[in-house]
Structure formats: C-alpha cells, structure tokens
N, C-alpha and C. Protein backbone atom coordinates (compact mmCIF):
# COMPACT_ATOMS: atom_id res chain seq x y z
N UNK A 1 -1.93 62.20 26.52
CA UNK A 1 -0.33 61.47 25.62
C UNK A 1 0.00 60.27 25.45
N UNK A 2 0.39 60.03 24.42
CA UNK A 2 -0.30 58.36 24.42
C UNK A 2 1.36 57.58 24.04
N UNK A 3 2.03 56.89 24.16
CA UNK A 3 3.54 56.24 23.87
C UNK A 3 3.43 56.02 22.13
N UNK A 4 2.23 56.68 21.25
CA UNK A 4 2.47 56.50 19.73
C UNK A 4 3.34 57.76 19.21
N UNK A 5 3.21 58.95 20.46
CA UNK A 5 4.09 59.90 20.03
C UNK A 5 5.61 59.49 19.50
N UNK A 6 5.88 60.54 18.25
CA UNK A 6 7.24 60.54 17.80
C UNK A 6 8.07 60.93 17.86
N UNK A 7 8.91 61.05 18.65
CA UNK A 7 9.11 62.52 20.12
C UNK A 7 11.31 62.50 19.68
N UNK A 8 11.64 63.29 18.46
CA UNK A 8 13.05 62.23 18.23
C UNK A 8 13.71 63.94 19.07
N UNK A 9 14.96 63.45 19.50
CA UNK A 9 15.62 64.25 19.57
C UNK A 9 17.04 64.90 18.60
N UNK A 10 16.40 66.00 17.23
CA UNK A 10 17.66 65.96 16.73
C UNK A 10 19.10 66.63 17.08
N UNK A 11 19.89 66.13 16.50
CA UNK A 11 21.21 66.55 17.23
C UNK A 11 22.13 66.47 15.86
N UNK A 12 23.35 67.86 15.71
CA UNK A 12 24.68 67.60 14.53
C UNK A 12 25.41 67.99 15.14
N UNK A 13 26.19 68.66 14.99
CA UNK A 13 27.80 69.66 15.14
C UNK A 13 26.69 71.26 14.34
N UNK A 14 27.32 72.52 14.84
CA UNK A 14 27.17 73.60 14.78
C UNK A 14 27.19 73.54 13.20
N UNK A 15 26.14 74.26 12.47
CA UNK A 15 26.24 74.32 10.56
C UNK A 15 25.72 72.81 9.79
N UNK A 16 25.75 71.70 10.84
CA UNK A 16 24.27 70.87 9.74
C UNK A 16 23.70 70.96 9.26
N UNK A 17 23.11 72.03 10.00
CA UNK A 17 21.33 72.12 9.03
C UNK A 17 19.57 71.81 10.23
N UNK A 18 19.97 71.87 11.28
CA UNK A 18 19.87 71.79 12.51
C UNK A 18 17.79 72.35 12.42
N UNK A 19 18.24 73.91 12.04
CA UNK A 19 17.42 74.40 12.15
C UNK A 19 15.98 74.16 11.23
N UNK A 20 17.13 74.24 9.80
CA UNK A 20 15.92 73.89 8.21
C UNK A 20 15.90 72.52 8.38
N UNK A 21 16.35 71.74 8.72
CA UNK A 21 15.49 70.14 8.65
C UNK A 21 14.90 70.33 9.83
N UNK A 22 14.61 70.99 10.98
CA UNK A 22 13.87 70.82 11.82
C UNK A 22 12.14 70.92 11.04
N UNK A 23 12.69 72.46 10.88
CA UNK A 23 11.80 72.69 10.17
C UNK A 23 10.35 71.99 9.14
N UNK A 24 11.56 71.27 8.38
CA UNK A 24 10.49 70.29 7.28
C UNK A 24 9.97 69.08 7.58
N UNK A 25 10.83 68.75 9.00
CA UNK A 25 10.05 67.85 9.52
C UNK A 25 8.70 68.04 10.55
N UNK A 26 9.02 69.43 10.91
CA UNK A 26 7.51 69.92 11.64
C UNK A 26 6.39 69.58 10.79
N UNK A 27 6.72 70.67 9.37
CA UNK A 27 5.92 70.56 9.33
C UNK A 27 5.28 69.00 8.48
N UNK A 28 6.45 67.93 7.83
CA UNK A 28 6.49 66.80 7.30
C UNK A 28 4.98 66.05 7.94
N UNK A 29 5.74 65.64 9.69
CA UNK A 29 4.85 64.31 10.85
C UNK A 29 3.98 65.42 12.04
N UNK A 30 4.00 66.99 11.60
CA UNK A 30 3.16 67.21 12.39
C UNK A 30 3.81 67.24 14.10
N UNK A 31 4.53 66.66 14.21
CA UNK A 31 5.75 67.86 15.44
C UNK A 31 6.04 68.99 15.93
N UNK A 32 5.67 69.25 16.55
CA UNK A 32 6.60 70.62 17.42
C UNK A 32 7.14 70.64 17.58
N UNK A 33 8.35 71.83 17.53
CA UNK A 33 9.85 71.97 17.33
C UNK A 33 10.11 72.72 18.64
N UNK A 34 10.85 72.44 19.16
CA UNK A 34 10.74 72.39 21.57
C UNK A 34 12.32 73.11 20.93
N UNK A 35 12.80 74.50 20.36
CA UNK A 35 14.59 74.73 20.47
C UNK A 35 14.30 75.38 21.41
N UNK A 36 15.54 75.07 22.83
CA UNK A 36 15.99 75.27 24.21
C UNK A 36 15.95 76.51 23.67
N UNK A 37 16.61 77.25 22.98
CA UNK A 37 17.29 78.32 23.05
C UNK A 37 16.00 79.66 23.04
N UNK A 38 15.39 79.05 21.94
CA UNK A 38 14.05 79.70 21.55
C UNK A 38 13.09 79.90 23.46
N UNK A 39 13.14 78.57 23.78
CA UNK A 39 12.51 78.43 25.19
C UNK A 39 12.61 79.57 26.21
N UNK A 40 14.06 79.29 25.83
CA UNK A 40 14.89 80.85 26.85
C UNK A 40 14.71 82.06 26.93
N UNK A 41 15.14 82.48 26.23
CA UNK A 41 14.77 83.37 25.05
C UNK A 41 13.09 84.01 25.33
N UNK A 42 12.30 83.34 24.56
CA UNK A 42 10.70 83.92 25.17
C UNK A 42 10.22 83.74 27.00
N UNK A 43 11.15 82.97 27.50
CA UNK A 43 10.72 83.19 29.80
C UNK A 43 11.53 84.20 29.77
N UNK A 44 12.46 84.54 29.15
CA UNK A 44 13.16 85.63 29.85
C UNK A 44 12.73 86.75 29.38
N UNK A 45 12.49 87.31 28.21
CA UNK A 45 11.48 88.05 27.26
C UNK A 45 10.74 88.97 28.42
N UNK A 46 9.32 86.99 28.61
CA UNK A 46 8.27 87.39 28.85
C UNK A 46 8.43 87.37 30.67
N UNK A 47 9.29 87.62 31.00
CA UNK A 47 9.52 87.86 32.94
C UNK A 47 8.79 86.60 33.01
N UNK A 48 8.64 85.64 32.78
CA UNK A 48 7.83 84.08 33.46
C UNK A 48 9.22 84.32 35.35
N UNK A 49 7.81 83.01 35.43
CA UNK A 49 8.96 82.65 37.75
C UNK A 49 10.32 81.86 37.01
N UNK A 50 9.90 81.22 35.56
CA UNK A 50 11.42 80.57 35.49
C UNK A 50 12.42 80.88 34.61
N UNK A 51 12.37 82.50 33.72
CA UNK A 51 12.90 82.79 32.92
C UNK A 51 14.21 84.20 33.83
N UNK A 52 12.98 84.66 34.74
CA UNK A 52 13.19 85.42 36.51
C UNK A 52 14.62 84.98 36.42
N UNK A 53 13.97 82.95 37.24
CA UNK A 53 14.92 82.42 37.60
C UNK A 53 16.28 81.91 36.85
N UNK A 54 16.09 81.78 35.92
CA UNK A 54 16.93 81.30 34.47
C UNK A 54 18.34 82.76 34.37
N UNK A 55 17.63 83.87 34.56
CA UNK A 55 18.80 85.31 34.48
C UNK A 55 19.17 85.28 35.71
N UNK A 56 18.22 85.19 36.86
CA UNK A 56 19.68 85.51 38.34
C UNK A 56 20.97 84.39 38.02
N UNK A 57 20.84 82.82 37.46
CA UNK A 57 21.78 82.62 37.23
C UNK A 57 22.47 82.57 36.49
N UNK A 58 22.37 83.65 35.13
CA UNK A 58 22.54 84.49 34.09
C UNK A 58 23.68 85.22 34.12
N UNK A 59 22.73 86.45 35.22
CA UNK A 59 23.42 87.45 35.50
C UNK A 59 24.46 87.54 36.27
N UNK A 60 24.91 86.26 37.08
CA UNK A 60 26.26 85.51 38.34
C UNK A 60 26.66 85.02 37.54
N UNK A 61 26.68 84.79 35.53
CA UNK A 61 27.19 83.93 35.14
C UNK A 61 27.63 82.69 35.78
N UNK A 62 26.41 81.92 35.49
CA UNK A 62 26.61 81.29 36.06
C UNK A 62 25.71 80.01 34.90
N UNK A 63 25.88 78.70 34.91
CA UNK A 63 24.91 77.86 34.42
C UNK A 63 23.62 77.47 34.56
N UNK A 64 22.42 77.36 34.36
CA UNK A 64 21.29 77.55 35.08
C UNK A 64 21.38 75.96 34.76
N UNK A 65 20.40 75.83 36.01
CA UNK A 65 20.48 74.57 36.38
C UNK A 65 19.98 73.80 35.94
N UNK A 66 20.09 72.20 34.94
CA UNK A 66 18.96 71.77 34.90
C UNK A 66 17.44 71.84 34.65
N UNK A 67 17.33 71.31 36.57
CA UNK A 67 16.09 71.90 36.71
C UNK A 67 15.34 72.83 36.14
N UNK A 68 15.95 74.07 36.23
CA UNK A 68 15.16 75.27 35.76
C UNK A 68 14.76 74.56 33.82
N UNK A 69 16.39 73.89 33.57
CA UNK A 69 15.50 74.02 31.76
C UNK A 69 14.49 73.15 31.77
N UNK A 70 14.77 72.05 32.12
CA UNK A 70 13.57 71.11 32.26
C UNK A 70 12.32 71.53 32.71
N UNK A 71 12.27 72.35 34.01
CA UNK A 71 10.94 72.72 34.25
C UNK A 71 10.05 74.25 32.99
N UNK A 72 11.28 74.23 32.20
CA UNK A 72 10.75 75.38 30.38
C UNK A 72 10.22 74.82 29.70
N UNK A 73 10.87 73.12 29.72
CA UNK A 73 10.59 72.65 28.75
C UNK A 73 8.98 71.57 29.26
N UNK A 74 8.96 71.01 30.54
CA UNK A 74 7.74 70.81 30.35
C UNK A 74 6.73 71.34 30.13
N UNK A 75 6.18 72.74 30.90
CA UNK A 75 5.70 74.02 30.16
C UNK A 75 5.52 74.08 28.59
N UNK A 76 6.49 73.82 28.18
CA UNK A 76 5.83 73.41 26.42
C UNK A 76 5.11 72.24 26.49
N UNK A 77 6.23 70.70 27.40
CA UNK A 77 5.82 69.55 26.33
C UNK A 77 4.09 69.98 26.84
N UNK A 78 3.98 69.99 28.11
CA UNK A 78 2.40 70.36 28.62
C UNK A 78 1.40 71.14 27.74
N UNK A 79 1.92 71.98 27.30
CA UNK A 79 1.26 72.95 26.24
C UNK A 79 0.50 72.30 25.22
N UNK A 80 1.46 71.50 24.73
CA UNK A 80 1.61 70.36 22.88
C UNK A 80 1.11 69.18 23.64
N UNK A 81 0.52 69.09 24.78
CA UNK A 81 0.11 67.66 24.89
C UNK A 81 -0.38 66.96 24.05
N UNK A 82 -1.68 67.55 23.04
CA UNK A 82 -2.37 66.85 22.31
C UNK A 82 -1.46 66.56 20.62
N UNK A 83 -0.13 67.03 20.88
CA UNK A 83 0.29 67.54 19.51
C UNK A 83 0.80 65.83 19.08
N UNK A 84 1.27 65.57 17.78
CA UNK A 84 2.13 64.29 17.58
C UNK A 84 3.29 63.34 18.06
N UNK A 85 3.50 64.85 18.98
CA UNK A 85 5.21 64.15 18.99
C UNK A 85 5.53 65.42 18.69
N UNK A 86 7.53 65.22 19.67
CA UNK A 86 7.91 66.54 19.54
C UNK A 86 9.50 66.66 18.62
N UNK A 87 10.21 67.66 18.29
CA UNK A 87 11.89 67.28 17.70
C UNK A 87 11.81 68.14 19.15
N UNK A 88 13.34 67.55 19.50
CA UNK A 88 13.95 68.60 20.49
C UNK A 88 15.13 69.20 20.31
N UNK A 89 15.72 70.22 20.28
CA UNK A 89 16.92 70.58 19.48
C UNK A 89 17.11 71.70 20.65
N UNK A 90 18.60 70.84 20.88
CA UNK A 90 20.26 71.87 21.92
C UNK A 90 19.18 71.78 22.84
N UNK A 91 18.53 70.18 23.35
CA UNK A 91 18.74 69.55 24.63
C UNK A 91 18.26 68.04 24.20
N UNK A 92 18.41 66.75 24.74
CA UNK A 92 19.82 66.92 25.32
C UNK A 92 20.86 67.42 25.74
N UNK A 93 21.44 67.89 26.56
CA UNK A 93 23.29 68.40 26.45
C UNK A 93 24.29 66.87 27.09
N UNK A 94 23.20 66.72 27.85
CA UNK A 94 24.57 65.89 29.32
C UNK A 94 23.78 65.13 29.35
N UNK A 95 24.14 63.21 29.68
CA UNK A 95 23.41 62.88 30.72
C UNK A 95 22.92 62.86 31.85
N UNK A 96 22.69 63.34 32.37
CA UNK A 96 21.87 64.12 33.31
C UNK A 96 20.66 64.73 32.82
N UNK A 97 20.76 64.99 31.62
CA UNK A 97 19.26 66.38 31.24
C UNK A 97 18.45 64.87 30.56
N UNK A 98 19.24 63.96 29.43
CA UNK A 98 18.83 63.01 28.96
C UNK A 98 18.11 62.50 29.28
N UNK A 99 18.29 62.04 31.57
CA UNK A 99 17.62 61.10 31.84
C UNK A 99 15.94 62.31 32.70
N UNK A 100 16.53 63.19 32.71
CA UNK A 100 15.61 64.12 33.30
C UNK A 100 14.09 64.61 32.15
N UNK A 101 14.79 64.21 30.81
CA UNK A 101 13.73 64.75 29.79
C UNK A 101 13.01 63.32 29.88
N UNK A 102 13.88 61.62 30.21
CA UNK A 102 12.51 60.61 30.49
C UNK A 102 11.95 60.66 31.36
N UNK A 103 12.22 61.43 32.28
CA UNK A 103 11.50 60.97 33.44
C UNK A 103 9.99 62.01 33.00
N UNK A 104 10.68 63.33 32.65
CA UNK A 104 9.57 64.40 31.99
C UNK A 104 9.05 63.73 31.06
N UNK A 105 8.85 63.57 29.75
CA UNK A 105 8.41 62.18 28.82
C UNK A 105 7.77 60.96 29.77
N UNK A 106 7.86 60.44 30.90
CA UNK A 106 7.12 58.81 31.02
C UNK A 106 5.70 59.55 31.78
N UNK A 107 5.98 61.18 32.32
CA UNK A 107 4.73 61.66 32.68
C UNK A 107 3.76 61.83 31.76
N UNK A 108 4.27 61.91 30.72
CA UNK A 108 3.17 61.80 29.32
C UNK A 108 3.12 60.99 28.92
N UNK A 109 3.31 59.57 30.06
CA UNK A 109 3.19 58.35 28.58
C UNK A 109 3.70 58.54 27.66
N UNK A 110 4.95 58.71 27.48
CA UNK A 110 5.78 58.77 26.07
C UNK A 110 7.21 58.43 26.35
N UNK A 111 7.67 58.35 24.86
CA UNK A 111 9.12 58.93 25.57
C UNK A 111 10.43 59.32 24.05
N UNK A 112 11.45 59.10 24.05
CA UNK A 112 12.23 59.49 23.65
C UNK A 112 11.93 58.05 22.21
N UNK A 113 11.53 58.73 20.98
CA UNK A 113 11.95 57.39 19.99
C UNK A 113 13.08 57.40 19.91
N UNK A 114 13.78 58.86 18.97
CA UNK A 114 15.27 58.13 18.75
C UNK A 114 15.83 59.95 18.56
N UNK A 115 17.13 59.23 19.15
CA UNK A 115 18.00 60.78 18.56
C UNK A 115 19.16 60.34 17.21
N UNK A 116 18.10 61.46 16.46
CA UNK A 116 18.76 61.58 15.27
C UNK A 116 19.54 62.72 14.67
N UNK A 117 21.27 62.33 14.16
CA UNK A 117 22.25 62.86 14.73
C UNK A 117 23.08 62.96 12.64
N UNK A 118 22.60 64.40 11.99
CA UNK A 118 23.13 65.32 11.00
C UNK A 118 24.50 64.89 11.30
N UNK A 119 25.57 63.84 10.67
CA UNK A 119 26.95 64.01 10.16
C UNK A 119 26.86 64.77 9.32
N UNK A 120 27.80 65.79 9.14
CA UNK A 120 28.72 66.36 8.53
C UNK A 120 30.22 66.71 8.78
N UNK A 121 31.00 66.54 7.78
CA UNK A 121 32.37 66.24 7.77
C UNK A 121 32.88 67.89 8.06
N UNK A 122 33.67 67.82 9.20
CA UNK A 122 34.55 69.56 9.80
C UNK A 122 34.93 70.63 8.63
N UNK A 123 35.28 69.90 7.51
CA UNK A 123 35.56 71.03 6.63
C UNK A 123 34.23 71.91 5.71
N UNK A 124 33.06 70.53 5.81
CA UNK A 124 31.99 71.66 5.60
C UNK A 124 31.53 72.16 6.53
N UNK A 125 31.21 71.78 7.47
CA UNK A 125 30.87 72.46 8.63
C UNK A 125 30.98 74.10 8.93
N UNK A 126 32.46 74.08 8.72
CA UNK A 126 33.32 74.96 8.86
C UNK A 126 32.95 76.12 7.66
N UNK A 127 32.62 75.49 6.01
CA UNK A 127 32.48 76.28 5.31
C UNK A 127 31.11 76.56 5.28
N UNK A 128 30.57 75.98 5.76
CA UNK A 128 29.18 76.10 5.55
C UNK A 128 28.60 77.54 6.61
N UNK A 129 29.66 77.67 8.29
CA UNK A 129 29.16 78.28 9.41
C UNK A 129 30.16 79.94 8.46
N UNK A 130 31.18 79.06 7.86
CA UNK A 130 31.45 80.75 6.90
C UNK A 130 30.64 81.84 6.08
N UNK A 131 29.91 80.74 5.57
CA UNK A 131 29.16 81.38 4.34
C UNK A 131 27.98 81.86 5.60
N UNK A 132 27.30 81.26 6.36
CA UNK A 132 26.17 81.48 6.99
C UNK A 132 26.35 82.94 7.78
N UNK A 133 28.02 83.11 8.27
CA UNK A 133 28.51 83.92 8.70
C UNK A 133 28.73 85.95 8.15
N UNK A 134 28.95 85.40 6.99
CA UNK A 134 28.66 86.63 5.73
C UNK A 134 27.45 87.39 5.75
N UNK A 135 25.96 86.31 6.04
CA UNK A 135 24.68 87.16 5.72
C UNK A 135 24.30 86.84 7.27
N UNK A 136 24.30 86.14 8.67
CA UNK A 136 23.67 86.08 9.53
C UNK A 136 24.10 87.21 10.44
N UNK A 137 25.22 87.84 10.10
CA UNK A 137 25.00 88.77 11.67
C UNK A 137 26.08 88.69 12.74
N UNK A 138 26.41 87.16 13.01
CA UNK A 138 26.18 86.61 14.02
C UNK A 138 28.37 86.42 13.62
N UNK A 139 28.57 87.11 15.48
CA UNK A 139 29.99 86.78 15.52
C UNK A 139 30.42 85.79 15.26
N UNK A 140 29.85 84.44 15.89
CA UNK A 140 30.55 83.00 16.07
C UNK A 140 30.41 82.70 15.32
N UNK A 141 30.22 83.01 13.78
CA UNK A 141 29.61 82.21 12.39
C UNK A 141 30.55 83.69 12.03
N UNK A 142 31.30 84.31 12.22
CA UNK A 142 32.70 84.20 11.64
C UNK A 142 33.54 84.66 11.58
N UNK A 143 34.28 83.91 12.51
CA UNK A 143 35.74 83.25 12.97
C UNK A 143 35.89 82.16 13.13
N UNK A 144 37.19 82.03 12.06
CA UNK A 144 37.59 80.25 11.97
C UNK A 144 37.61 79.41 13.06
N UNK A 145 38.16 80.38 14.14
CA UNK A 145 39.02 79.58 15.26
C UNK A 145 37.63 79.09 16.15
N UNK A 146 36.91 80.28 16.81
CA UNK A 146 35.82 80.00 17.23
C UNK A 146 35.03 78.78 16.69
N UNK A 147 34.59 78.77 15.51
CA UNK A 147 33.55 78.00 15.18
C UNK A 147 34.71 75.96 15.03
N UNK A 148 35.47 76.74 14.99
CA UNK A 148 36.33 74.72 15.06
C UNK A 148 35.50 74.61 16.37
N UNK A 149 36.37 75.60 17.17
CA UNK A 149 36.49 75.69 19.20
C UNK A 149 35.07 74.95 19.28
N UNK A 150 33.76 75.78 18.37
CA UNK A 150 32.00 75.15 18.86
C UNK A 150 32.33 73.40 18.49
N UNK A 151 32.89 73.15 17.09
CA UNK A 151 32.78 72.16 16.40
C UNK A 151 33.68 70.92 17.57
N UNK A 152 34.75 71.15 18.69
CA UNK A 152 35.40 70.76 19.28
C UNK A 152 33.97 70.57 20.36
N UNK A 153 34.26 71.27 20.62
CA UNK A 153 33.12 71.13 21.91
C UNK A 153 31.91 70.75 21.66
N UNK A 154 31.16 70.35 20.24
CA UNK A 154 29.94 69.63 20.31
C UNK A 154 30.82 67.99 20.29
N UNK A 155 31.23 67.75 19.61
CA UNK A 155 31.93 66.41 19.99
C UNK A 155 32.27 66.14 21.04
N UNK A 156 33.01 66.93 21.75
CA UNK A 156 33.27 66.38 23.06
C UNK A 156 31.83 66.02 24.24
N UNK A 157 31.50 66.91 23.89
CA UNK A 157 30.29 67.38 24.94
C UNK A 157 29.03 66.37 24.97
N UNK A 158 28.62 65.62 23.33
CA UNK A 158 27.37 64.76 22.85
C UNK A 158 27.97 63.18 22.38
N UNK A 159 29.21 62.75 22.67
CA UNK A 159 29.64 61.34 22.65
C UNK A 159 29.35 60.33 23.82
N UNK A 160 29.30 61.15 24.76
CA UNK A 160 28.98 60.66 26.14
C UNK A 160 27.38 60.50 25.58
N UNK A 161 26.56 61.47 25.16
CA UNK A 161 25.34 61.27 25.05
C UNK A 161 24.37 60.07 24.06
N UNK A 162 25.64 60.23 22.63
CA UNK A 162 25.51 59.05 22.10
C UNK A 162 25.91 57.63 22.16
N UNK A 163 26.55 57.55 23.47
CA UNK A 163 26.35 56.34 23.60
C UNK A 163 25.12 55.46 24.69
N UNK A 164 24.70 57.00 25.24
CA UNK A 164 23.91 56.59 25.77
C UNK A 164 22.00 56.52 25.37
N UNK A 165 22.20 56.65 23.97
CA UNK A 165 20.73 56.34 23.19
C UNK A 165 21.30 55.24 22.38
N UNK A 166 23.01 55.09 21.66
CA UNK A 166 23.03 54.00 21.76
C UNK A 166 23.24 52.96 21.99
N UNK A 167 22.70 52.70 23.74
CA UNK A 167 22.78 51.95 24.57
C UNK A 167 21.21 51.55 24.57
N UNK A 168 20.43 52.43 24.37
CA UNK A 168 19.00 51.75 24.30
C UNK A 168 18.35 51.90 22.56
N UNK A 169 19.31 51.53 22.23
CA UNK A 169 19.10 51.42 20.30
C UNK A 169 18.68 52.64 19.30
N UNK A 170 18.50 53.59 20.76
CA UNK A 170 17.48 54.88 19.83
C UNK A 170 18.63 55.84 19.39
N UNK A 171 20.21 55.46 18.76
CA UNK A 171 20.86 56.75 17.89
C UNK A 171 20.86 56.56 16.03
N UNK A 172 20.71 57.32 15.91
CA UNK A 172 20.44 57.09 14.28
C UNK A 172 21.01 58.19 13.96
N UNK A 173 22.58 58.18 13.02
CA UNK A 173 23.50 58.38 12.29
C UNK A 173 22.85 58.97 10.87
N UNK A 174 22.87 60.08 10.03
CA UNK A 174 21.96 60.54 9.28
C UNK A 174 23.31 61.23 8.38
N UNK A 175 23.29 61.05 6.75
CA UNK A 175 24.56 61.96 6.44
C UNK A 175 23.73 63.22 6.10
N UNK A 176 24.34 64.19 6.65
CA UNK A 176 23.73 65.55 6.79
C UNK A 176 24.51 66.17 5.97
N UNK A 177 25.13 65.17 4.58
CA UNK A 177 25.50 66.02 3.14
C UNK A 177 24.99 66.44 1.50
N UNK A 178 24.91 67.29 1.31
CA UNK A 178 23.90 66.91 -0.34
C UNK A 178 23.26 67.91 0.17
N UNK A 179 22.54 68.14 -0.95
CA UNK A 179 21.19 69.14 -1.19
C UNK A 179 20.26 69.01 -0.07
N UNK A 180 19.95 69.90 0.40
CA UNK A 180 18.79 69.99 1.11
C UNK A 180 17.49 69.33 1.59
N UNK A 181 16.61 69.08 -0.29
CA UNK A 181 15.38 68.11 0.14
C UNK A 181 16.32 66.68 0.36
N UNK A 182 17.47 66.11 -0.07
CA UNK A 182 17.96 65.19 -0.14
C UNK A 182 18.66 64.81 1.34
N UNK A 183 18.85 65.65 1.69
CA UNK A 183 18.84 65.23 3.58
C UNK A 183 17.60 64.93 4.19
N UNK A 184 16.57 65.87 3.78
CA UNK A 184 15.13 65.98 4.47
C UNK A 184 14.41 64.64 3.80
N UNK A 185 15.01 63.49 3.29
CA UNK A 185 13.91 62.95 2.14
C UNK A 185 15.01 61.97 3.62
N UNK A 186 16.09 61.43 3.37
CA UNK A 186 16.71 60.62 4.42
C UNK A 186 16.37 60.57 5.80
N UNK A 187 16.22 61.63 6.12
CA UNK A 187 15.50 61.95 7.59
C UNK A 187 13.32 61.45 7.66
N UNK A 188 13.33 61.84 6.61
CA UNK A 188 11.95 61.08 6.41
C UNK A 188 11.88 59.99 6.12
N UNK A 189 12.76 59.16 5.67
CA UNK A 189 12.13 57.63 5.16
C UNK A 189 12.89 57.18 6.79
N UNK A 190 13.93 57.88 7.44
CA UNK A 190 14.19 56.87 9.16
C UNK A 190 13.27 57.49 9.81
N UNK A 191 12.55 57.99 9.68
CA UNK A 191 11.44 58.66 10.73
C UNK A 191 10.21 57.00 10.18
N UNK A 192 10.11 57.63 9.15
CA UNK A 192 8.57 56.91 8.99
C UNK A 192 9.06 55.09 9.50
N UNK A 193 10.55 54.75 8.92
CA UNK A 193 10.56 53.87 9.71
C UNK A 193 10.07 53.30 11.72
N UNK A 194 9.81 54.29 11.61
CA UNK A 194 10.02 53.83 13.81
C UNK A 194 8.74 53.24 14.21
C-alpha cells in the first residue's frame, strides 16, 4: 500500500444518497466500498471470532467497543491492501474512531484523503426516506418522527467529526440535491481534484 491511495470517508444524513453514490464512486475510481454495517453483518453471520465477540456485546444490549469495529475494518483493509483506495461508509462516527482509523491506515502507509459529506436539506431527506419506506420494508423509513430523530442524531454526532477533518483541511461538503448523475458528477469532480 502507498500514500497514492484515495481513501474517502463518505458522510451524509440518512437519505442523503450515500449508498447510491458509493456504488458509482466505487466503479468510477476502482475503490473498495467498506460499509460498517455490511462488515458487521458478514462477521456475525459467518460467526468469525470478531463476529462472535461483537455479538456478545450486542446480546447484552451494549455498544460494540471501537477496537472490535477497528479490528473488523482492519481485516477488510488488509484483504484489499492492493486496491486503489477505500470508501468508508458508516465509519468513523466519533473522533476516537477517526483517530483509530488514522492509526490503522498508517500501518499501510496511507491516510484519509478526504471526508466528503453529502448535504441535503432536512425536508428533502424526510421526503426521500418516507418514499424509500414505501418500498424498502424498513420500519425506520416509514415514520416521520423516527426519521427526524435519526437526522437530529446525525447532526449531533457528526458535527464533532466535521471539525476533526476540517482542522486537517480534509472536509468537503457536496450539494446532494438534484438528479443522481448530477450529484455523481459533483463528487467525481471533487475526487479528481485530490
């Protein structure tokens, strides 16, 4: 691995289009998309040592410690160490996690290139998620009050991360409103500028 990798922390509130855009960016730039949720589900489903460990915390109703999450991500990074870079989706969520991610990437002689946040007004997020809720089967997409709580939690928890990456001049907000391909082009222009 080298510092020539492109490593993006993709951020945005629920309904901003992170999953959709991650797919396009992955294909356009040859990056590996690491979704924390997918990594967790894979490890638990396949009963890996880390998955079993995470499950014990979850069964007790506790948050999985950062170190367990980092160890899972480390395995993903190691498996894909010859890639052109990574899109981290759903991680980090705290400054402690951001610092742990920095340490992890340093082991592979690389670092975070940028935190890219899709910015979408709350009213539009609510509309998008309620629409998604009609087809997704996800109960958290069907209730306006639950959606608003998720959006509020996003802003509360990630404001600190925004400051963390801004202090390193690595934070970039991208307008997440418009047709999907217009948003994709905005992201591609930004990533090509790194």
